């Protein structure tokens, strides 16, 4: 018995479209992180970036359960003393709904050099329009 090890030359990437309308943020982000890392494929290799391209549409219509829309906070720091900025999830969804999904998926990816490469294959759009029709993506239902 041999364990197959995938090389980066052997990776075949496909494009998937996911509609986020009415989907729960955490459940959607875990599925996206699994597909970006390639763990849903039969020949998963941890040290090779073998995931697919993911297009997420309708990010503005994502569902946050409980009181998260009012109570969840997003933090960033400018690097200067007293430079901590905070914004509620409700305001973040109004201004930058793409960032809510990007940050959720980023937190679920491995903390190594491959994570930034995986995250570049995630394309998030706030409405139903996207410029990736030439790649002929397949619709993925959750």
N, C-alpha and C. Protein backbone atom coordinates (compact mmCIF):
# COMPACT_ATOMS: atom_id res chain seq x y z
N UNK A 1 0.84 -1.18 0.00
CA UNK A 1 0.00 0.00 0.00
C UNK A 1 0.89 1.24 0.00
N UNK A 2 0.59 2.15 -0.89
CA UNK A 2 1.33 3.42 -0.94
C UNK A 2 0.39 4.55 -0.65
N UNK A 3 0.88 5.55 0.06
CA UNK A 3 0.10 6.75 0.31
C UNK A 3 0.45 7.77 -0.76
N UNK A 4 -0.50 8.17 -1.59
CA UNK A 4 -0.17 9.14 -2.64
C UNK A 4 0.07 10.52 -2.05
N UNK A 5 1.10 11.17 -2.53
CA UNK A 5 1.42 12.53 -2.09
C UNK A 5 1.30 13.46 -3.30
N UNK A 6 0.47 14.46 -3.17
CA UNK A 6 0.18 15.37 -4.26
C UNK A 6 1.32 16.38 -4.43
N UNK A 7 1.70 16.63 -5.67
CA UNK A 7 2.68 17.67 -5.96
C UNK A 7 1.93 18.91 -6.44
N UNK A 8 2.56 20.07 -6.34
CA UNK A 8 1.87 21.29 -6.76
C UNK A 8 1.62 21.31 -8.26
N UNK A 9 2.39 20.56 -9.04
CA UNK A 9 2.16 20.49 -10.48
C UNK A 9 0.92 19.65 -10.81
N UNK A 10 0.53 18.76 -9.90
CA UNK A 10 -0.60 17.85 -10.15
C UNK A 10 -1.94 18.41 -9.71
N UNK A 11 -1.97 19.61 -9.12
CA UNK A 11 -3.21 20.17 -8.59
C UNK A 11 -4.09 20.64 -9.73
N UNK A 12 -5.34 20.21 -9.70
CA UNK A 12 -6.33 20.66 -10.69
C UNK A 12 -7.38 21.48 -9.94
N UNK A 13 -7.43 22.75 -10.23
CA UNK A 13 -8.34 23.66 -9.52
C UNK A 13 -9.61 23.88 -10.34
N UNK A 14 -10.73 23.90 -9.64
CA UNK A 14 -12.00 24.22 -10.28
C UNK A 14 -12.59 25.45 -9.61
N UNK A 15 -13.52 26.08 -10.29
CA UNK A 15 -14.17 27.28 -9.77
C UNK A 15 -15.57 26.91 -9.29
N UNK A 16 -15.93 27.41 -8.10
CA UNK A 16 -17.24 27.16 -7.52
C UNK A 16 -17.91 28.49 -7.17
N UNK A 17 -19.23 28.55 -7.37
CA UNK A 17 -20.02 29.71 -6.95
C UNK A 17 -20.88 29.28 -5.77
N UNK A 18 -20.84 30.09 -4.69
CA UNK A 18 -21.68 29.84 -3.52
C UNK A 18 -22.53 31.08 -3.29
N UNK A 19 -23.84 30.88 -3.18
CA UNK A 19 -24.75 31.98 -2.88
C UNK A 19 -24.92 32.05 -1.36
N UNK A 20 -24.54 33.18 -0.77
CA UNK A 20 -24.56 33.33 0.69
C UNK A 20 -25.87 33.87 1.22
N UNK A 21 -26.84 34.05 0.38
CA UNK A 21 -28.11 34.65 0.81
C UNK A 21 -28.83 33.72 1.79
N UNK A 22 -29.03 34.22 3.02
CA UNK A 22 -29.72 33.47 4.05
C UNK A 22 -28.90 32.40 4.73
N UNK A 23 -27.63 32.24 4.38
CA UNK A 23 -26.77 31.23 4.99
C UNK A 23 -26.16 31.77 6.29
N UNK A 24 -25.94 30.88 7.26
CA UNK A 24 -25.31 31.26 8.52
C UNK A 24 -23.82 31.46 8.28
N UNK A 25 -23.26 32.52 8.85
CA UNK A 25 -21.87 32.91 8.59
C UNK A 25 -20.87 31.81 8.95
N UNK A 26 -20.96 31.26 10.14
CA UNK A 26 -19.98 30.27 10.58
C UNK A 26 -20.01 28.99 9.78
N UNK A 27 -21.22 28.51 9.49
CA UNK A 27 -21.35 27.26 8.73
C UNK A 27 -20.86 27.44 7.30
N UNK A 28 -21.12 28.60 6.73
CA UNK A 28 -20.64 28.91 5.38
C UNK A 28 -19.11 29.02 5.37
N UNK A 29 -18.55 29.68 6.38
CA UNK A 29 -17.10 29.90 6.43
C UNK A 29 -16.34 28.58 6.61
N UNK A 30 -16.87 27.63 7.37
CA UNK A 30 -16.18 26.36 7.54
C UNK A 30 -16.14 25.58 6.24
N UNK A 31 -17.24 25.61 5.48
CA UNK A 31 -17.27 24.89 4.20
C UNK A 31 -16.31 25.54 3.20
N UNK A 32 -16.26 26.88 3.19
CA UNK A 32 -15.35 27.59 2.28
C UNK A 32 -13.90 27.29 2.65
N UNK A 33 -13.57 27.30 3.94
CA UNK A 33 -12.20 27.03 4.38
C UNK A 33 -11.77 25.61 4.01
N UNK A 34 -12.69 24.67 4.11
CA UNK A 34 -12.38 23.29 3.73
C UNK A 34 -12.10 23.19 2.24
N UNK A 35 -12.89 23.88 1.43
CA UNK A 35 -12.69 23.83 -0.02
C UNK A 35 -11.43 24.57 -0.45
N UNK A 36 -11.10 25.68 0.23
CA UNK A 36 -9.89 26.43 -0.12
C UNK A 36 -8.62 25.64 0.21
N UNK A 37 -8.66 24.87 1.30
CA UNK A 37 -7.47 24.11 1.68
C UNK A 37 -7.37 22.79 0.94
N UNK A 38 -8.43 22.34 0.28
CA UNK A 38 -8.40 21.11 -0.48
C UNK A 38 -8.73 19.87 0.33
N UNK A 39 -9.25 20.05 1.53
CA UNK A 39 -9.54 18.90 2.38
C UNK A 39 -10.75 18.10 1.92
N UNK A 40 -11.52 18.64 0.99
CA UNK A 40 -12.67 17.91 0.48
C UNK A 40 -12.31 17.01 -0.71
N UNK A 41 -11.05 17.03 -1.11
CA UNK A 41 -10.60 16.22 -2.24
C UNK A 41 -9.99 14.91 -1.74
N UNK A 42 -9.99 13.87 -2.56
CA UNK A 42 -9.46 12.58 -2.09
C UNK A 42 -7.95 12.57 -1.86
N UNK A 43 -7.20 13.40 -2.57
CA UNK A 43 -5.75 13.40 -2.43
C UNK A 43 -5.28 14.65 -1.69
N UNK A 44 -5.73 14.83 -0.46
CA UNK A 44 -5.31 15.98 0.34
C UNK A 44 -3.89 15.77 0.83
N UNK A 45 -3.05 16.78 0.64
CA UNK A 45 -1.68 16.76 1.15
C UNK A 45 -1.47 18.05 1.93
N UNK A 46 -1.09 17.96 3.21
CA UNK A 46 -1.04 19.16 4.07
C UNK A 46 -0.06 20.24 3.61
N UNK A 47 1.07 19.84 3.01
CA UNK A 47 2.08 20.83 2.65
C UNK A 47 1.92 21.38 1.23
N UNK A 48 0.84 20.97 0.53
CA UNK A 48 0.59 21.44 -0.83
C UNK A 48 -0.74 22.20 -0.83
N UNK A 49 -0.73 23.35 -1.49
CA UNK A 49 -1.94 24.16 -1.61
C UNK A 49 -2.79 23.58 -2.74
N UNK A 50 -3.75 22.71 -2.39
CA UNK A 50 -4.50 22.00 -3.41
C UNK A 50 -5.96 22.34 -3.49
N UNK A 51 -6.35 23.51 -3.01
CA UNK A 51 -7.77 23.87 -2.98
C UNK A 51 -8.27 24.48 -4.27
N UNK A 52 -9.56 24.80 -4.28
CA UNK A 52 -10.23 25.35 -5.45
C UNK A 52 -10.45 26.85 -5.31
N UNK A 53 -10.94 27.46 -6.39
CA UNK A 53 -11.35 28.85 -6.37
C UNK A 53 -12.81 28.93 -5.92
N UNK A 54 -13.12 29.89 -5.05
CA UNK A 54 -14.47 30.03 -4.53
C UNK A 54 -14.95 31.46 -4.81
N UNK A 55 -16.15 31.57 -5.39
CA UNK A 55 -16.80 32.87 -5.60
C UNK A 55 -18.02 32.90 -4.69
N UNK A 56 -18.09 33.88 -3.80
CA UNK A 56 -19.23 34.01 -2.89
C UNK A 56 -20.03 35.22 -3.32
N UNK A 57 -21.32 35.01 -3.57
CA UNK A 57 -22.21 36.08 -3.99
C UNK A 57 -23.18 36.44 -2.86
N UNK A 58 -23.74 37.64 -2.93
CA UNK A 58 -24.74 38.15 -1.98
C UNK A 58 -24.22 38.15 -0.55
N UNK A 59 -23.04 38.71 -0.34
CA UNK A 59 -22.45 38.76 1.00
C UNK A 59 -23.25 39.67 1.93
N UNK A 60 -23.98 40.62 1.37
CA UNK A 60 -24.75 41.55 2.21
C UNK A 60 -25.94 40.86 2.86
N UNK A 61 -26.36 39.69 2.35
CA UNK A 61 -27.53 38.99 2.86
C UNK A 61 -27.17 37.81 3.75
N UNK A 62 -25.96 37.81 4.34
CA UNK A 62 -25.53 36.72 5.22
C UNK A 62 -26.32 36.78 6.53
N UNK A 63 -26.54 35.63 7.15
CA UNK A 63 -27.33 35.56 8.38
C UNK A 63 -26.39 35.40 9.57
N UNK A 64 -26.56 36.24 10.59
CA UNK A 64 -25.84 36.11 11.86
C UNK A 64 -26.85 35.72 12.92
N UNK A 65 -26.63 34.61 13.60
CA UNK A 65 -27.60 34.10 14.56
C UNK A 65 -27.51 34.85 15.89
N UNK A 66 -28.58 34.77 16.64
CA UNK A 66 -28.62 35.37 17.97
C UNK A 66 -28.49 36.88 17.92
N UNK A 67 -27.73 37.43 18.85
CA UNK A 67 -27.51 38.87 18.94
C UNK A 67 -26.20 39.31 18.30
N UNK A 68 -25.60 38.44 17.47
CA UNK A 68 -24.29 38.76 16.90
C UNK A 68 -24.31 40.02 16.05
N UNK A 69 -25.39 40.26 15.35
CA UNK A 69 -25.47 41.46 14.50
C UNK A 69 -25.29 42.72 15.33
N UNK A 70 -25.80 42.74 16.56
CA UNK A 70 -25.70 43.91 17.44
C UNK A 70 -24.48 43.87 18.35
N UNK A 71 -24.03 42.68 18.76
CA UNK A 71 -23.02 42.58 19.81
C UNK A 71 -21.63 42.21 19.30
N UNK A 72 -21.50 41.54 18.17
CA UNK A 72 -20.19 41.12 17.68
C UNK A 72 -19.38 42.33 17.24
N UNK A 73 -18.12 42.37 17.68
CA UNK A 73 -17.23 43.49 17.38
C UNK A 73 -16.06 43.00 16.52
N UNK A 74 -15.63 43.82 15.59
CA UNK A 74 -14.43 43.58 14.79
C UNK A 74 -13.40 44.62 15.21
N UNK A 75 -12.18 44.16 15.47
CA UNK A 75 -11.13 45.05 15.96
C UNK A 75 -10.00 45.12 14.94
N UNK A 76 -9.37 46.30 14.87
CA UNK A 76 -8.13 46.47 14.10
C UNK A 76 -7.30 47.52 14.81
N UNK A 77 -6.01 47.47 14.60
CA UNK A 77 -5.11 48.39 15.30
C UNK A 77 -4.21 49.08 14.29
N UNK A 78 -4.04 50.38 14.47
CA UNK A 78 -3.24 51.16 13.53
C UNK A 78 -1.75 50.98 13.76
N UNK A 79 -1.36 50.50 14.93
CA UNK A 79 0.05 50.37 15.25
C UNK A 79 0.55 51.47 16.16
N UNK A 80 -0.24 52.51 16.31
CA UNK A 80 0.12 53.60 17.19
C UNK A 80 -0.54 53.41 18.56
N UNK A 81 -0.02 54.10 19.55
CA UNK A 81 -0.58 54.03 20.89
C UNK A 81 -2.01 54.55 20.86
N UNK A 82 -2.92 53.78 21.42
CA UNK A 82 -4.33 54.17 21.43
C UNK A 82 -5.00 54.02 20.08
N UNK A 83 -4.42 53.25 19.19
CA UNK A 83 -4.94 53.14 17.83
C UNK A 83 -5.87 51.98 17.60
N UNK A 84 -6.52 51.47 18.65
CA UNK A 84 -7.44 50.36 18.50
C UNK A 84 -8.79 50.87 17.98
N UNK A 85 -9.20 50.34 16.86
CA UNK A 85 -10.49 50.71 16.26
C UNK A 85 -11.43 49.52 16.41
N UNK A 86 -12.69 49.79 16.68
CA UNK A 86 -13.67 48.72 16.77
C UNK A 86 -14.93 49.11 16.00
N UNK A 87 -15.56 48.10 15.41
CA UNK A 87 -16.76 48.33 14.63
C UNK A 87 -17.71 47.15 14.86
N UNK A 88 -18.99 47.43 14.98
CA UNK A 88 -19.98 46.38 15.20
C UNK A 88 -20.24 45.65 13.88
N UNK A 89 -20.72 44.41 14.01
CA UNK A 89 -20.99 43.59 12.83
C UNK A 89 -22.08 44.22 11.96
N UNK A 90 -23.04 44.90 12.58
CA UNK A 90 -24.11 45.55 11.83
C UNK A 90 -23.55 46.64 10.91
N UNK A 91 -22.62 47.44 11.44
CA UNK A 91 -22.00 48.50 10.64
C UNK A 91 -21.07 47.93 9.58
N UNK A 92 -20.36 46.84 9.92
CA UNK A 92 -19.46 46.22 8.96
C UNK A 92 -20.24 45.62 7.79
N UNK A 93 -21.40 45.04 8.08
CA UNK A 93 -22.23 44.50 7.01
C UNK A 93 -22.79 45.60 6.12
N UNK A 94 -23.03 46.77 6.70
CA UNK A 94 -23.55 47.88 5.91
C UNK A 94 -22.46 48.49 5.02
N UNK A 95 -21.23 48.63 5.56
CA UNK A 95 -20.15 49.28 4.81
C UNK A 95 -19.37 48.31 3.93
N UNK A 96 -18.89 47.20 4.51
CA UNK A 96 -18.03 46.25 3.81
C UNK A 96 -18.48 44.82 4.08
N UNK A 97 -19.56 44.35 3.47
CA UNK A 97 -20.03 43.00 3.76
C UNK A 97 -19.05 41.90 3.32
N UNK A 98 -18.18 42.22 2.36
CA UNK A 98 -17.20 41.23 1.91
C UNK A 98 -16.22 40.88 3.01
N UNK A 99 -15.84 41.87 3.81
CA UNK A 99 -14.84 41.66 4.86
C UNK A 99 -15.34 40.72 5.95
N UNK A 100 -16.64 40.68 6.20
CA UNK A 100 -17.18 39.81 7.24
C UNK A 100 -16.89 38.35 6.88
N UNK A 101 -17.14 37.99 5.63
CA UNK A 101 -16.89 36.61 5.20
C UNK A 101 -15.39 36.35 5.10
N UNK A 102 -14.62 37.30 4.59
CA UNK A 102 -13.18 37.12 4.46
C UNK A 102 -12.53 36.88 5.83
N UNK A 103 -12.92 37.67 6.84
CA UNK A 103 -12.33 37.52 8.17
C UNK A 103 -12.75 36.22 8.82
N UNK A 104 -13.98 35.77 8.59
CA UNK A 104 -14.43 34.50 9.16
C UNK A 104 -13.66 33.33 8.55
N UNK A 105 -13.44 33.37 7.24
CA UNK A 105 -12.71 32.30 6.57
C UNK A 105 -11.24 32.35 6.94
N UNK A 106 -10.68 33.54 7.04
CA UNK A 106 -9.27 33.69 7.39
C UNK A 106 -8.97 33.08 8.75
N UNK A 107 -9.88 33.24 9.69
CA UNK A 107 -9.68 32.67 11.02
C UNK A 107 -9.74 31.16 11.04
N UNK A 108 -10.34 30.55 10.01
CA UNK A 108 -10.48 29.10 9.97
C UNK A 108 -9.41 28.41 9.12
N UNK A 109 -8.58 29.17 8.45
CA UNK A 109 -7.50 28.59 7.65
C UNK A 109 -6.30 28.32 8.55
N UNK A 110 -5.39 27.44 8.13
CA UNK A 110 -4.20 27.17 8.95
C UNK A 110 -3.33 28.41 9.06
N UNK A 111 -2.63 28.52 10.17
CA UNK A 111 -1.79 29.69 10.43
C UNK A 111 -0.38 29.41 9.92
N UNK A 112 -0.23 29.38 8.60
CA UNK A 112 1.08 29.16 7.99
C UNK A 112 1.18 29.94 6.69
N UNK A 113 2.23 29.68 5.92
CA UNK A 113 2.46 30.45 4.70
C UNK A 113 1.45 30.13 3.60
N UNK A 114 0.83 28.97 3.68
CA UNK A 114 -0.14 28.60 2.65
C UNK A 114 -1.46 29.36 2.79
N UNK A 115 -1.75 29.85 4.00
CA UNK A 115 -3.06 30.47 4.26
C UNK A 115 -3.27 31.72 3.41
N UNK A 116 -2.26 32.54 3.25
CA UNK A 116 -2.43 33.76 2.46
C UNK A 116 -2.64 33.42 0.99
N UNK A 117 -2.00 32.35 0.52
CA UNK A 117 -2.19 31.91 -0.86
C UNK A 117 -3.60 31.35 -1.06
N UNK A 118 -4.09 30.64 -0.06
CA UNK A 118 -5.44 30.10 -0.13
C UNK A 118 -6.48 31.23 -0.15
N UNK A 119 -6.23 32.25 0.66
CA UNK A 119 -7.19 33.35 0.78
C UNK A 119 -7.28 34.18 -0.50
N UNK A 120 -6.23 34.18 -1.32
CA UNK A 120 -6.28 34.93 -2.58
C UNK A 120 -7.22 34.26 -3.58
N UNK A 121 -7.54 32.98 -3.39
CA UNK A 121 -8.46 32.29 -4.28
C UNK A 121 -9.91 32.46 -3.86
N UNK A 122 -10.17 33.20 -2.80
CA UNK A 122 -11.54 33.47 -2.36
C UNK A 122 -11.96 34.83 -2.91
N UNK A 123 -13.02 34.85 -3.70
CA UNK A 123 -13.55 36.08 -4.28
C UNK A 123 -14.94 36.31 -3.69
N UNK A 124 -15.13 37.42 -2.98
CA UNK A 124 -16.40 37.71 -2.32
C UNK A 124 -16.99 38.98 -2.92
N UNK A 125 -18.28 38.92 -3.26
CA UNK A 125 -18.98 40.06 -3.83
C UNK A 125 -20.27 40.30 -3.06
N UNK A 126 -20.61 41.58 -2.86
CA UNK A 126 -21.77 41.90 -2.02
C UNK A 126 -23.10 41.68 -2.72
N UNK A 127 -23.11 41.63 -4.05
CA UNK A 127 -24.37 41.39 -4.75
C UNK A 127 -24.22 40.18 -5.68
N UNK A 128 -25.05 40.07 -6.67
CA UNK A 128 -25.11 38.89 -7.52
C UNK A 128 -24.20 38.97 -8.75
N UNK A 129 -23.49 40.06 -8.95
CA UNK A 129 -22.65 40.24 -10.14
C UNK A 129 -21.20 39.87 -9.83
N UNK A 130 -20.55 39.18 -10.79
CA UNK A 130 -19.13 38.86 -10.65
C UNK A 130 -18.48 38.83 -12.03
N UNK A 131 -17.17 39.13 -12.12
CA UNK A 131 -16.50 39.19 -13.42
C UNK A 131 -15.82 37.88 -13.82
N UNK A 132 -16.24 36.73 -13.27
CA UNK A 132 -15.53 35.47 -13.50
C UNK A 132 -16.33 34.50 -14.37
N UNK A 133 -17.13 35.02 -15.28
CA UNK A 133 -17.92 34.15 -16.15
C UNK A 133 -17.03 33.36 -17.12
N UNK A 134 -15.88 33.89 -17.47
CA UNK A 134 -14.98 33.23 -18.42
C UNK A 134 -14.39 31.94 -17.85
N UNK A 135 -14.34 31.83 -16.52
CA UNK A 135 -13.79 30.63 -15.90
C UNK A 135 -14.82 29.49 -15.82
N UNK A 136 -16.04 29.76 -16.24
CA UNK A 136 -17.18 28.82 -16.20
C UNK A 136 -17.30 28.10 -14.87
N UNK A 137 -17.60 28.86 -13.80
CA UNK A 137 -17.70 28.24 -12.47
C UNK A 137 -18.98 27.42 -12.32
N UNK A 138 -18.89 26.40 -11.45
CA UNK A 138 -20.03 25.54 -11.17
C UNK A 138 -20.72 26.01 -9.90
N UNK A 139 -22.03 25.94 -9.87
CA UNK A 139 -22.80 26.33 -8.69
C UNK A 139 -22.68 25.25 -7.64
N UNK A 140 -22.36 25.64 -6.40
CA UNK A 140 -22.21 24.70 -5.30
C UNK A 140 -23.31 24.98 -4.28
N UNK A 141 -24.10 23.97 -3.97
CA UNK A 141 -25.19 24.12 -3.00
C UNK A 141 -24.74 23.59 -1.64
N UNK A 142 -25.03 24.37 -0.60
CA UNK A 142 -24.68 23.92 0.74
C UNK A 142 -25.82 23.13 1.34
